[in-house]
């Protein structure tokens, strides 16, 4: 199939669908670098070719370049806003680049279309967890001496079953406020589990 699609591209150098079909053949063969070249050319020739933009983003993601995947996936969604595959891949790329809030939006839309898919559920949960952690870290940087911040960090780590990281946060909260009942209770719960 690759040979036939390459011949079509050679005959019609400026025909976007031919480049897209060649890209799909490379993608099917898992030759993502060649697929990127073909999809890039297809998008360059026809900006309205949603599938080429989608597969360009998917190919970038497959080669470990989620930062480069974001723009073509956004372009694919601009052309077809309800495409669950574009939401899935864009959500994954945004998650990989640390854009957790935006990732959640797209992963939720993809999860609505594919509610039984475990990887989507996992990525959505992970995005929420990482966003919460990012928010707490920002809070901590703004006021590291606030016992409530250490308590919330401890609770977050506790919920993630990271008890070895949670304990020092609760202990710090108590050093800052020895009467902080919530921190005492959380430490008691952890010590009961051990």
C-alpha atoms as a PDB file:
ATOM      1  CA  UNK A   1       0.000   0.000   0.000  1.00  0.00           C
ATOM      2  CA  UNK A   2       2.843   2.371   0.790  1.00  0.00           C
ATOM      3  CA  UNK A   3       4.243   2.062  -2.714  1.00  0.00           C
ATOM      4  CA  UNK A   4       0.887   2.858  -4.334  1.00  0.00           C
ATOM      5  CA  UNK A   5       0.306   5.880  -2.083  1.00  0.00           C
ATOM      6  CA  UNK A   6       3.846   7.130  -2.735  1.00  0.00           C
ATOM      7  CA  UNK A   7       3.236   6.854  -6.475  1.00  0.00           C
ATOM      8  CA  UNK A   8       0.004   8.856  -6.086  1.00  0.00           C
ATOM      9  CA  UNK A   9       1.924  11.583  -4.230  1.00  0.00           C
ATOM     10  CA  UNK A  10       4.633  11.589  -6.911  1.00  0.00           C
ATOM     11  CA  UNK A  11       1.993  12.040  -9.627  1.00  0.00           C
ATOM     12  CA  UNK A  12      -0.034  14.695  -7.786  1.00  0.00           C
ATOM     13  CA  UNK A  13       2.477  16.578  -5.632  1.00  0.00           C
ATOM     14  CA  UNK A  14       0.037  19.293  -4.547  1.00  0.00           C
ATOM     15  CA  UNK A  15      -3.006  17.117  -3.859  1.00  0.00           C
ATOM     16  CA  UNK A  16      -3.579  17.117  -0.080  1.00  0.00           C
ATOM     17  CA  UNK A  17      -5.631  13.895   0.108  1.00  0.00           C
ATOM     18  CA  UNK A  18      -2.798  11.949  -1.559  1.00  0.00           C
ATOM     19  CA  UNK A  19      -0.373  13.143   1.135  1.00  0.00           C
ATOM     20  CA  UNK A  20      -2.917  12.314   3.799  1.00  0.00           C
ATOM     21  CA  UNK A  21      -3.391   8.774   2.468  1.00  0.00           C
ATOM     22  CA  UNK A  22       0.362   8.271   2.406  1.00  0.00           C
ATOM     23  CA  UNK A  23       0.504   9.530   5.979  1.00  0.00           C
ATOM     24  CA  UNK A  24      -2.212   7.058   6.996  1.00  0.00           C
ATOM     25  CA  UNK A  25      -0.218   4.227   5.432  1.00  0.00           C
ATOM     26  CA  UNK A  26       2.890   5.277   7.352  1.00  0.00           C
ATOM     27  CA  UNK A  27       0.841   5.649  10.544  1.00  0.00           C
ATOM     28  CA  UNK A  28      -0.548   2.143  10.086  1.00  0.00           C
ATOM     29  CA  UNK A  29       3.051   0.894   9.752  1.00  0.00           C
ATOM     30  CA  UNK A  30       3.948   2.828  12.939  1.00  0.00           C
ATOM     31  CA  UNK A  31       6.458   4.912  10.973  1.00  0.00           C
ATOM     32  CA  UNK A  32       5.346   8.062  12.749  1.00  0.00           C
ATOM     33  CA  UNK A  33       8.201  10.274  11.577  1.00  0.00           C
ATOM     34  CA  UNK A  34       7.319   9.663   7.933  1.00  0.00           C
ATOM     35  CA  UNK A  35       3.640  10.049   8.796  1.00  0.00           C
ATOM     36  CA  UNK A  36       4.418  13.484  10.284  1.00  0.00           C
ATOM     37  CA  UNK A  37       6.027  14.572   7.016  1.00  0.00           C
ATOM     38  CA  UNK A  38       3.043  13.429   4.969  1.00  0.00           C
ATOM     39  CA  UNK A  39       0.385  14.845   7.291  1.00  0.00           C
ATOM     40  CA  UNK A  40       2.291  18.126   7.586  1.00  0.00           C
ATOM     41  CA  UNK A  41       2.306  18.470   3.820  1.00  0.00           C
ATOM     42  CA  UNK A  42      -1.412  17.596   3.617  1.00  0.00           C
ATOM     43  CA  UNK A  43      -2.264  20.255   6.225  1.00  0.00           C
ATOM     44  CA  UNK A  44      -0.011  22.776   4.479  1.00  0.00           C
ATOM     45  CA  UNK A  45      -1.891  22.174   1.225  1.00  0.00           C
ATOM     46  CA  UNK A  46      -5.386  22.101   2.744  1.00  0.00           C
ATOM     47  CA  UNK A  47      -6.017  23.620   6.181  1.00  0.00           C
ATOM     48  CA  UNK A  48      -9.590  22.264   6.140  1.00  0.00           C
ATOM     49  CA  UNK A  49      -8.492  18.624   6.069  1.00  0.00           C
ATOM     50  CA  UNK A  50      -9.485  17.736   9.639  1.00  0.00           C
ATOM     51  CA  UNK A  51      -8.285  14.125   9.510  1.00  0.00           C
ATOM     52  CA  UNK A  52      -4.795  15.206   8.422  1.00  0.00           C
ATOM     53  CA  UNK A  53      -4.551  17.655  11.341  1.00  0.00           C
ATOM     54  CA  UNK A  54      -5.850  15.000  13.741  1.00  0.00           C
ATOM     55  CA  UNK A  55      -3.381  12.358  12.585  1.00  0.00           C
ATOM     56  CA  UNK A  56      -0.549  14.894  12.536  1.00  0.00           C
ATOM     57  CA  UNK A  57      -1.192  15.567  16.216  1.00  0.00           C
ATOM     58  CA  UNK A  58      -1.536  11.861  16.953  1.00  0.00           C
ATOM     59  CA  UNK A  59       1.758  11.167  15.191  1.00  0.00           C
ATOM     60  CA  UNK A  60       3.576  13.846  17.162  1.00  0.00           C
ATOM     61  CA  UNK A  61       2.171  12.339  20.345  1.00  0.00           C
ATOM     62  CA  UNK A  62       3.319   8.864  19.288  1.00  0.00           C
ATOM     63  CA  UNK A  63       6.922  10.057  18.853  1.00  0.00           C
ATOM     64  CA  UNK A  64       6.936  11.608  22.310  1.00  0.00           C
ATOM     65  CA  UNK A  65       6.379  15.222  21.275  1.00  0.00           C
ATOM     66  CA  UNK A  66       3.070  16.106  22.961  1.00  0.00           C
ATOM     67  CA  UNK A  67       3.996  19.786  22.903  1.00  0.00           C
ATOM     68  CA  UNK A  68       4.043  19.657  19.090  1.00  0.00           C
ATOM     69  CA  UNK A  69       0.828  17.613  19.038  1.00  0.00           C
ATOM     70  CA  UNK A  70      -1.255  20.324  20.713  1.00  0.00           C
ATOM     71  CA  UNK A  71      -1.522  22.803  17.806  1.00  0.00           C
ATOM     72  CA  UNK A  72      -2.638  20.365  15.082  1.00  0.00           C
ATOM     73  CA  UNK A  73      -5.083  18.719  17.483  1.00  0.00           C
ATOM     74  CA  UNK A  74      -6.549  22.132  18.320  1.00  0.00           C
ATOM     75  CA  UNK A  75      -6.835  22.814  14.590  1.00  0.00           C
ATOM     76  CA  UNK A  76      -8.623  19.489  14.095  1.00  0.00           C
ATOM     77  CA  UNK A  77     -11.098  20.407  16.842  1.00  0.00           C
ATOM     78  CA  UNK A  78     -11.646  23.837  15.328  1.00  0.00           C
ATOM     79  CA  UNK A  79     -12.762  22.060  12.145  1.00  0.00           C
ATOM     80  CA  UNK A  80     -14.795  19.358  13.916  1.00  0.00           C
ATOM     81  CA  UNK A  81     -15.537  20.515  17.493  1.00  0.00           C
ATOM     82  CA  UNK A  82     -17.301  17.369  18.683  1.00  0.00           C
ATOM     83  CA  UNK A  83     -14.732  14.832  17.446  1.00  0.00           C
ATOM     84  CA  UNK A  84     -14.177  12.541  20.455  1.00  0.00           C
ATOM     85  CA  UNK A  85     -10.870  11.245  19.076  1.00  0.00           C
ATOM     86  CA  UNK A  86      -9.501  14.785  18.819  1.00  0.00           C
ATOM     87  CA  UNK A  87     -10.643  15.448  22.389  1.00  0.00           C
ATOM     88  CA  UNK A  88      -9.003  12.203  23.529  1.00  0.00           C
ATOM     89  CA  UNK A  89      -5.648  12.950  21.947  1.00  0.00           C
ATOM     90  CA  UNK A  90      -5.643  16.655  22.806  1.00  0.00           C
ATOM     91  CA  UNK A  91      -6.517  15.807  26.404  1.00  0.00           C
ATOM     92  CA  UNK A  92      -3.605  13.373  26.513  1.00  0.00           C
ATOM     93  CA  UNK A  93      -1.190  15.867  24.974  1.00  0.00           C
ATOM     94  CA  UNK A  94      -2.250  18.620  27.369  1.00  0.00           C
ATOM     95  CA  UNK A  95      -1.918  16.248  30.302  1.00  0.00           C
ATOM     96  CA  UNK A  96       1.601  15.319  29.173  1.00  0.00           C
ATOM     97  CA  UNK A  97       2.576  19.001  28.876  1.00  0.00           C
ATOM     98  CA  UNK A  98       1.237  19.922  32.325  1.00  0.00           C
ATOM     99  CA  UNK A  99      -1.825  21.865  31.141  1.00  0.00           C
ATOM    100  CA  UNK A 100      -4.085  20.023  33.549  1.00  0.00           C
ATOM    101  CA  UNK A 101      -7.124  22.337  33.530  1.00  0.00           C
ATOM    102  CA  UNK A 102      -7.367  22.253  29.748  1.00  0.00           C
ATOM    103  CA  UNK A 103      -6.645  18.521  29.686  1.00  0.00           C
ATOM    104  CA  UNK A 104      -9.595  17.889  32.004  1.00  0.00           C
ATOM    105  CA  UNK A 105     -11.988  19.696  29.640  1.00  0.00           C
ATOM    106  CA  UNK A 106     -10.997  17.523  26.675  1.00  0.00           C
ATOM    107  CA  UNK A 107     -10.684  14.275  28.618  1.00  0.00           C
ATOM    108  CA  UNK A 108     -14.187  14.778  30.035  1.00  0.00           C
ATOM    109  CA  UNK A 109     -15.590  15.213  26.521  1.00  0.00           C
ATOM    110  CA  UNK A 110     -13.752  12.110  25.323  1.00  0.00           C
ATOM    111  CA  UNK A 111     -14.939  10.144  28.364  1.00  0.00           C
ATOM    112  CA  UNK A 112     -18.538  11.044  27.524  1.00  0.00           C
ATOM    113  CA  UNK A 113     -18.051   9.435  24.125  1.00  0.00           C
ATOM    114  CA  UNK A 114     -16.079   6.446  25.464  1.00  0.00           C
ATOM    115  CA  UNK A 115     -17.358   5.938  29.045  1.00  0.00           C
ATOM    116  CA  UNK A 116     -16.054   2.376  29.355  1.00  0.00           C
ATOM    117  CA  UNK A 117     -12.465   3.097  28.334  1.00  0.00           C
ATOM    118  CA  UNK A 118     -10.143   2.588  31.317  1.00  0.00           C
ATOM    119  CA  UNK A 119      -7.205   4.622  29.981  1.00  0.00           C
ATOM    120  CA  UNK A 120      -9.412   7.671  29.511  1.00  0.00           C
ATOM    121  CA  UNK A 121     -10.821   7.279  33.018  1.00  0.00           C
ATOM    122  CA  UNK A 122      -7.294   6.913  34.389  1.00  0.00           C
ATOM    123  CA  UNK A 123      -5.999   9.977  32.531  1.00  0.00           C
ATOM    124  CA  UNK A 124      -8.981  12.059  33.635  1.00  0.00           C
ATOM    125  CA  UNK A 125      -8.445  11.068  37.253  1.00  0.00           C
ATOM    126  CA  UNK A 126      -4.719  11.695  36.938  1.00  0.00           C
ATOM    127  CA  UNK A 127      -5.325  15.154  35.467  1.00  0.00           C
ATOM    128  CA  UNK A 128      -7.598  16.045  38.390  1.00  0.00           C
ATOM    129  CA  UNK A 129      -5.040  14.740  40.892  1.00  0.00           C
ATOM    130  CA  UNK A 130      -2.152  16.609  39.284  1.00  0.00           C
ATOM    131  CA  UNK A 131      -4.186  19.817  39.066  1.00  0.00           C
ATOM    132  CA  UNK A 132      -5.003  19.555  42.779  1.00  0.00           C
ATOM    133  CA  UNK A 133      -1.341  18.958  43.569  1.00  0.00           C
ATOM    134  CA  UNK A 134      -0.346  21.946  41.413  1.00  0.00           C
ATOM    135  CA  UNK A 135      -2.871  24.161  43.210  1.00  0.00           C
ATOM    136  CA  UNK A 136      -1.622  23.064  46.630  1.00  0.00           C
ATOM    137  CA  UNK A 137       1.992  23.661  45.623  1.00  0.00           C
ATOM    138  CA  UNK A 138       1.062  27.166  44.482  1.00  0.00           C
ATOM    139  CA  UNK A 139      -0.689  27.758  47.802  1.00  0.00           C
ATOM    140  CA  UNK A 140       2.340  26.473  49.673  1.00  0.00           C
ATOM    141  CA  UNK A 141       4.700  28.787  47.816  1.00  0.00           C
ATOM    142  CA  UNK A 142       2.437  31.736  48.635  1.00  0.00           C
ATOM    143  CA  UNK A 143       2.450  31.026  52.394  1.00  0.00           C
ATOM    144  CA  UNK A 144       4.660  28.114  53.536  1.00  0.00           C
ATOM    145  CA  UNK A 145       4.048  28.938  57.212  1.00  0.00           C
ATOM    146  CA  UNK A 146       0.281  28.351  57.065  1.00  0.00           C
ATOM    147  CA  UNK A 147      -0.575  25.115  58.921  1.00  0.00           C
ATOM    148  CA  UNK A 148      -3.732  24.649  56.833  1.00  0.00           C
ATOM    149  CA  UNK A 149      -1.665  24.363  53.655  1.00  0.00           C
ATOM    150  CA  UNK A 150       0.483  21.595  55.157  1.00  0.00           C
ATOM    151  CA  UNK A 151      -2.672  19.871  56.356  1.00  0.00           C
ATOM    152  CA  UNK A 152      -4.215  19.967  52.869  1.00  0.00           C
ATOM    153  CA  UNK A 153      -0.993  18.705  51.310  1.00  0.00           C
ATOM    154  CA  UNK A 154      -0.921  15.895  53.850  1.00  0.00           C
ATOM    155  CA  UNK A 155      -4.547  14.981  53.079  1.00  0.00           C
ATOM    156  CA  UNK A 156      -3.794  14.957  49.363  1.00  0.00           C
ATOM    157  CA  UNK A 157      -0.823  12.622  49.837  1.00  0.00           C
ATOM    158  CA  UNK A 158      -2.846  10.490  52.235  1.00  0.00           C
ATOM    159  CA  UNK A 159      -5.595  10.058  49.639  1.00  0.00           C
ATOM    160  CA  UNK A 160      -2.930   8.992  47.147  1.00  0.00           C
ATOM    161  CA  UNK A 161      -1.702   6.391  49.674  1.00  0.00           C
ATOM    162  CA  UNK A 162       1.636   8.230  49.921  1.00  0.00           C
ATOM    163  CA  UNK A 163       1.728   8.015  53.691  1.00  0.00           C
ATOM    164  CA  UNK A 164       5.506   8.501  53.958  1.00  0.00           C
ATOM    165  CA  UNK A 165       5.069  11.926  52.320  1.00  0.00           C
ATOM    166  CA  UNK A 166       1.839  12.766  54.149  1.00  0.00           C
ATOM    167  CA  UNK A 167       3.237  12.314  57.665  1.00  0.00           C
ATOM    168  CA  UNK A 168       5.846  15.115  57.430  1.00  0.00           C
ATOM    169  CA  UNK A 169       3.176  17.509  56.144  1.00  0.00           C
ATOM    170  CA  UNK A 170       0.896  16.802  59.116  1.00  0.00           C
ATOM    171  CA  UNK A 171       3.861  17.064  61.491  1.00  0.00           C
ATOM    172  CA  UNK A 172       4.773  20.454  59.998  1.00  0.00           C
ATOM    173  CA  UNK A 173       1.180  21.621  60.441  1.00  0.00           C
ATOM    174  CA  UNK A 174       1.419  20.657  64.116  1.00  0.00           C
ATOM    175  CA  UNK A 175       4.756  22.429  64.561  1.00  0.00           C
ATOM    176  CA  UNK A 176       3.086  25.575  63.271  1.00  0.00           C
ATOM    177  CA  UNK A 177      -0.084  25.053  65.343  1.00  0.00           C
ATOM    178  CA  UNK A 178       0.120  22.378  68.051  1.00  0.00           C
ATOM    179  CA  UNK A 179      -3.672  22.538  68.603  1.00  0.00           C
ATOM    180  CA  UNK A 180      -4.594  21.737  64.980  1.00  0.00           C
ATOM    181  CA  UNK A 181      -7.109  18.946  65.629  1.00  0.00           C
ATOM    182  CA  UNK A 182      -7.397  17.839  61.971  1.00  0.00           C
ATOM    183  CA  UNK A 183      -3.649  17.191  61.737  1.00  0.00           C
ATOM    184  CA  UNK A 184      -3.729  15.163  64.987  1.00  0.00           C
ATOM    185  CA  UNK A 185      -6.635  13.081  63.682  1.00  0.00           C
ATOM    186  CA  UNK A 186      -4.964  12.480  60.316  1.00  0.00           C
ATOM    187  CA  UNK A 187      -1.747  11.292  61.975  1.00  0.00           C
ATOM    188  CA  UNK A 188      -3.757   9.023  64.261  1.00  0.00           C
ATOM    189  CA  UNK A 189      -5.484   7.491  61.211  1.00  0.00           C
ATOM    190  CA  UNK A 190      -2.118   6.880  59.543  1.00  0.00           C
ATOM    191  CA  UNK A 191      -0.591   5.303  62.630  1.00  0.00           C
ATOM    192  CA  UNK A 192      -3.653   3.024  62.999  1.00  0.00           C
ATOM    193  CA  UNK A 193      -3.034   1.769  59.446  1.00  0.00           C
ATOM    194  CA  UNK A 194       0.605   0.937  60.144  1.00  0.00           C
END
